Amino acid sequence: MCTLFEEIAEEGRIEGRIEGRKEGRLEGQMEGRAMEIIETGIEFNLQKLDILERLQKKLEISLQKAEEYFKMFDRRAG
């Protein structure tokens, strides 16, 4: 027989997994948008700073996060 504490703990674990999946999907969507912005910027020969600015504006992210995405998706660097 489960105790009330065990039931509450299990509910918390389930909610945690659900929230984790939601956060993962949102991060994946952000990465996808970032990749599109970066690839398009590169195709149109935009400067790195212009692409970073666009990432910040469109995704509402910090300069640091924009630079992380740029490093992740700039295919010219590899």
N, C-alpha and C. Protein backbone atom coordinates (compact mmCIF):
# COMPACT_ATOMS: atom_id res chain seq x y z
N MET A 1 0.84 -1.18 0.00
CA MET A 1 0.00 0.00 0.00
C MET A 1 0.89 1.25 0.00
N CYS A 2 0.58 2.19 -0.85
CA CYS A 2 1.36 3.42 -0.95
C CYS A 2 0.91 4.40 0.11
N THR A 3 1.85 5.13 0.59
CA THR A 3 1.50 6.18 1.53
C THR A 3 1.22 7.45 0.76
N LEU A 4 0.60 8.38 1.43
CA LEU A 4 0.30 9.66 0.81
C LEU A 4 1.59 10.34 0.35
N PHE A 5 2.64 10.25 1.16
CA PHE A 5 3.92 10.85 0.81
C PHE A 5 4.47 10.25 -0.48
N GLU A 6 4.39 8.94 -0.62
CA GLU A 6 4.88 8.28 -1.83
C GLU A 6 4.08 8.72 -3.06
N GLU A 7 2.75 8.86 -2.89
CA GLU A 7 1.91 9.31 -4.00
C GLU A 7 2.27 10.74 -4.42
N ILE A 8 2.49 11.60 -3.44
CA ILE A 8 2.86 12.98 -3.74
C ILE A 8 4.22 13.03 -4.43
N ALA A 9 5.16 12.23 -3.94
CA ALA A 9 6.49 12.18 -4.55
C ALA A 9 6.41 11.70 -5.99
N GLU A 10 5.60 10.69 -6.26
CA GLU A 10 5.45 10.18 -7.62
C GLU A 10 4.83 11.23 -8.52
N GLU A 11 3.82 11.95 -8.03
CA GLU A 11 3.21 13.01 -8.81
C GLU A 11 4.24 14.08 -9.15
N GLY A 12 5.10 14.40 -8.19
CA GLY A 12 6.16 15.38 -8.42
C GLY A 12 7.13 14.93 -9.49
N ARG A 13 7.48 13.64 -9.48
CA ARG A 13 8.39 13.11 -10.50
C ARG A 13 7.74 13.19 -11.88
N ILE A 14 6.47 12.85 -11.96
CA ILE A 14 5.76 12.89 -13.24
C ILE A 14 5.70 14.33 -13.76
N GLU A 15 5.34 15.26 -12.88
CA GLU A 15 5.27 16.67 -13.29
C GLU A 15 6.65 17.16 -13.73
N GLY A 16 7.69 16.73 -13.04
CA GLY A 16 9.05 17.12 -13.41
C GLY A 16 9.42 16.62 -14.80
N ARG A 17 9.06 15.38 -15.11
CA ARG A 17 9.35 14.84 -16.43
C ARG A 17 8.59 15.60 -17.51
N ILE A 18 7.33 15.92 -17.23
CA ILE A 18 6.52 16.66 -18.21
C ILE A 18 7.13 18.03 -18.45
N GLU A 19 7.49 18.73 -17.38
CA GLU A 19 8.11 20.06 -17.53
C GLU A 19 9.43 19.96 -18.28
N GLY A 20 10.20 18.92 -17.99
CA GLY A 20 11.48 18.74 -18.68
C GLY A 20 11.30 18.55 -20.17
N ARG A 21 10.28 17.79 -20.54
CA ARG A 21 10.01 17.59 -21.97
C ARG A 21 9.59 18.89 -22.63
N LYS A 22 8.74 19.67 -21.94
CA LYS A 22 8.31 20.97 -22.50
C LYS A 22 9.51 21.88 -22.71
N GLU A 23 10.38 21.95 -21.71
CA GLU A 23 11.57 22.79 -21.82
C GLU A 23 12.46 22.31 -22.96
N GLY A 24 12.58 21.01 -23.11
CA GLY A 24 13.39 20.45 -24.19
C GLY A 24 12.84 20.81 -25.56
N ARG A 25 11.52 20.74 -25.69
CA ARG A 25 10.90 21.10 -26.97
C ARG A 25 11.11 22.58 -27.27
N LEU A 26 10.94 23.42 -26.26
CA LEU A 26 11.12 24.86 -26.47
C LEU A 26 12.57 25.17 -26.85
N GLU A 27 13.51 24.52 -26.19
CA GLU A 27 14.92 24.74 -26.53
C GLU A 27 15.20 24.28 -27.96
N GLY A 28 14.61 23.17 -28.35
CA GLY A 28 14.77 22.68 -29.72
C GLY A 28 14.21 23.65 -30.74
N GLN A 29 13.07 24.24 -30.41
CA GLN A 29 12.48 25.22 -31.31
C GLN A 29 13.37 26.46 -31.43
N MET A 30 13.90 26.89 -30.29
CA MET A 30 14.79 28.06 -30.31
C MET A 30 16.04 27.77 -31.14
N GLU A 31 16.60 26.58 -30.98
CA GLU A 31 17.79 26.22 -31.74
C GLU A 31 17.47 26.19 -33.23
N GLY A 32 16.31 25.67 -33.59
CA GLY A 32 15.92 25.62 -34.99
C GLY A 32 15.77 27.00 -35.59
N ARG A 33 15.15 27.91 -34.85
CA ARG A 33 15.01 29.29 -35.33
C ARG A 33 16.37 29.96 -35.43
N ALA A 34 17.22 29.72 -34.44
CA ALA A 34 18.56 30.31 -34.46
C ALA A 34 19.33 29.84 -35.68
N MET A 35 19.24 28.54 -35.96
CA MET A 35 19.94 27.98 -37.11
C MET A 35 19.46 28.64 -38.39
N GLU A 36 18.16 28.83 -38.54
CA GLU A 36 17.61 29.46 -39.74
C GLU A 36 18.11 30.90 -39.88
N ILE A 37 18.10 31.64 -38.78
CA ILE A 37 18.55 33.03 -38.82
C ILE A 37 20.02 33.11 -39.21
N ILE A 38 20.82 32.25 -38.62
CA ILE A 38 22.26 32.25 -38.89
C ILE A 38 22.54 31.85 -40.34
N GLU A 39 21.93 30.76 -40.79
CA GLU A 39 22.16 30.30 -42.17
C GLU A 39 21.72 31.34 -43.18
N THR A 40 20.58 31.96 -42.92
CA THR A 40 20.09 32.99 -43.83
C THR A 40 21.02 34.20 -43.83
N GLY A 41 21.44 34.59 -42.65
CA GLY A 41 22.37 35.72 -42.55
C GLY A 41 23.66 35.46 -43.31
N ILE A 42 24.18 34.26 -43.19
CA ILE A 42 25.41 33.90 -43.89
C ILE A 42 25.18 33.89 -45.40
N GLU A 43 24.04 33.33 -45.84
CA GLU A 43 23.71 33.31 -47.27
C GLU A 43 23.67 34.71 -47.86
N PHE A 44 23.18 35.67 -47.05
CA PHE A 44 23.07 37.05 -47.54
C PHE A 44 24.30 37.88 -47.18
N ASN A 45 25.39 37.19 -46.80
CA ASN A 45 26.67 37.83 -46.51
C ASN A 45 26.60 38.91 -45.44
N LEU A 46 25.74 38.70 -44.43
CA LEU A 46 25.68 39.63 -43.31
C LEU A 46 26.90 39.44 -42.43
N GLN A 47 27.32 40.49 -41.79
CA GLN A 47 28.42 40.43 -40.84
C GLN A 47 27.96 39.68 -39.58
N LYS A 48 28.92 39.10 -38.89
CA LYS A 48 28.62 38.35 -37.68
C LYS A 48 27.83 39.20 -36.68
N LEU A 49 28.26 40.45 -36.49
CA LEU A 49 27.57 41.32 -35.53
C LEU A 49 26.12 41.57 -35.92
N ASP A 50 25.85 41.68 -37.21
CA ASP A 50 24.48 41.87 -37.67
C ASP A 50 23.64 40.62 -37.39
N ILE A 51 24.22 39.47 -37.58
CA ILE A 51 23.52 38.21 -37.32
C ILE A 51 23.25 38.08 -35.82
N LEU A 52 24.25 38.40 -35.01
CA LEU A 52 24.06 38.33 -33.55
C LEU A 52 22.95 39.27 -33.10
N GLU A 53 22.93 40.46 -33.67
CA GLU A 53 21.89 41.43 -33.33
C GLU A 53 20.51 40.90 -33.70
N ARG A 54 20.44 40.29 -34.88
CA ARG A 54 19.17 39.73 -35.34
C ARG A 54 18.70 38.60 -34.43
N LEU A 55 19.64 37.74 -34.02
CA LEU A 55 19.31 36.65 -33.10
C LEU A 55 18.73 37.21 -31.80
N GLN A 56 19.40 38.24 -31.26
CA GLN A 56 18.94 38.84 -30.02
C GLN A 56 17.53 39.41 -30.16
N LYS A 57 17.30 40.09 -31.25
CA LYS A 57 16.02 40.75 -31.47
C LYS A 57 14.90 39.73 -31.71
N LYS A 58 15.13 38.81 -32.62
CA LYS A 58 14.08 37.86 -33.01
C LYS A 58 13.77 36.83 -31.92
N LEU A 59 14.81 36.39 -31.21
CA LEU A 59 14.62 35.33 -30.21
C LEU A 59 14.53 35.87 -28.79
N GLU A 60 14.74 37.18 -28.65
CA GLU A 60 14.72 37.82 -27.33
C GLU A 60 15.68 37.12 -26.37
N ILE A 61 16.94 37.06 -26.79
CA ILE A 61 17.98 36.39 -26.01
C ILE A 61 19.15 37.34 -25.77
N SER A 62 20.02 36.96 -24.87
CA SER A 62 21.19 37.77 -24.54
C SER A 62 22.24 37.64 -25.65
N LEU A 63 23.18 38.56 -25.63
CA LEU A 63 24.30 38.49 -26.57
C LEU A 63 25.08 37.20 -26.37
N GLN A 64 25.27 36.81 -25.13
CA GLN A 64 26.00 35.57 -24.82
C GLN A 64 25.31 34.36 -25.45
N LYS A 65 23.99 34.27 -25.32
CA LYS A 65 23.25 33.14 -25.89
C LYS A 65 23.31 33.19 -27.42
N ALA A 66 23.23 34.40 -27.99
CA ALA A 66 23.33 34.55 -29.44
C ALA A 66 24.69 34.06 -29.94
N GLU A 67 25.74 34.39 -29.20
CA GLU A 67 27.07 33.93 -29.58
C GLU A 67 27.19 32.41 -29.47
N GLU A 68 26.56 31.82 -28.47
CA GLU A 68 26.56 30.36 -28.34
C GLU A 68 25.91 29.72 -29.55
N TYR A 69 24.76 30.24 -29.95
CA TYR A 69 24.07 29.72 -31.13
C TYR A 69 24.94 29.91 -32.38
N PHE A 70 25.57 31.06 -32.49
CA PHE A 70 26.40 31.33 -33.67
C PHE A 70 27.53 30.31 -33.77
N LYS A 71 28.19 30.04 -32.66
CA LYS A 71 29.26 29.04 -32.66
C LYS A 71 28.72 27.66 -33.03
N MET A 72 27.51 27.38 -32.57
CA MET A 72 26.90 26.07 -32.81
C MET A 72 26.57 25.87 -34.29
N PHE A 73 26.13 26.93 -34.96
CA PHE A 73 25.57 26.77 -36.31
C PHE A 73 26.34 27.45 -37.43
N ASP A 74 27.45 28.11 -37.14
CA ASP A 74 28.25 28.72 -38.20
C ASP A 74 29.07 27.63 -38.87
N ARG A 75 28.63 27.17 -40.00
CA ARG A 75 29.28 26.05 -40.71
C ARG A 75 30.63 26.46 -41.32
N ARG A 76 30.87 27.75 -41.44
CA ARG A 76 32.13 28.21 -42.01
C ARG A 76 33.29 27.96 -41.04
N ALA A 77 32.99 27.93 -39.75
CA ALA A 77 34.04 27.78 -38.73
C ALA A 77 34.63 26.37 -38.72
N GLY A 78 33.86 25.37 -39.17
CA GLY A 78 34.29 23.97 -39.13
C GLY A 78 35.14 23.60 -40.25
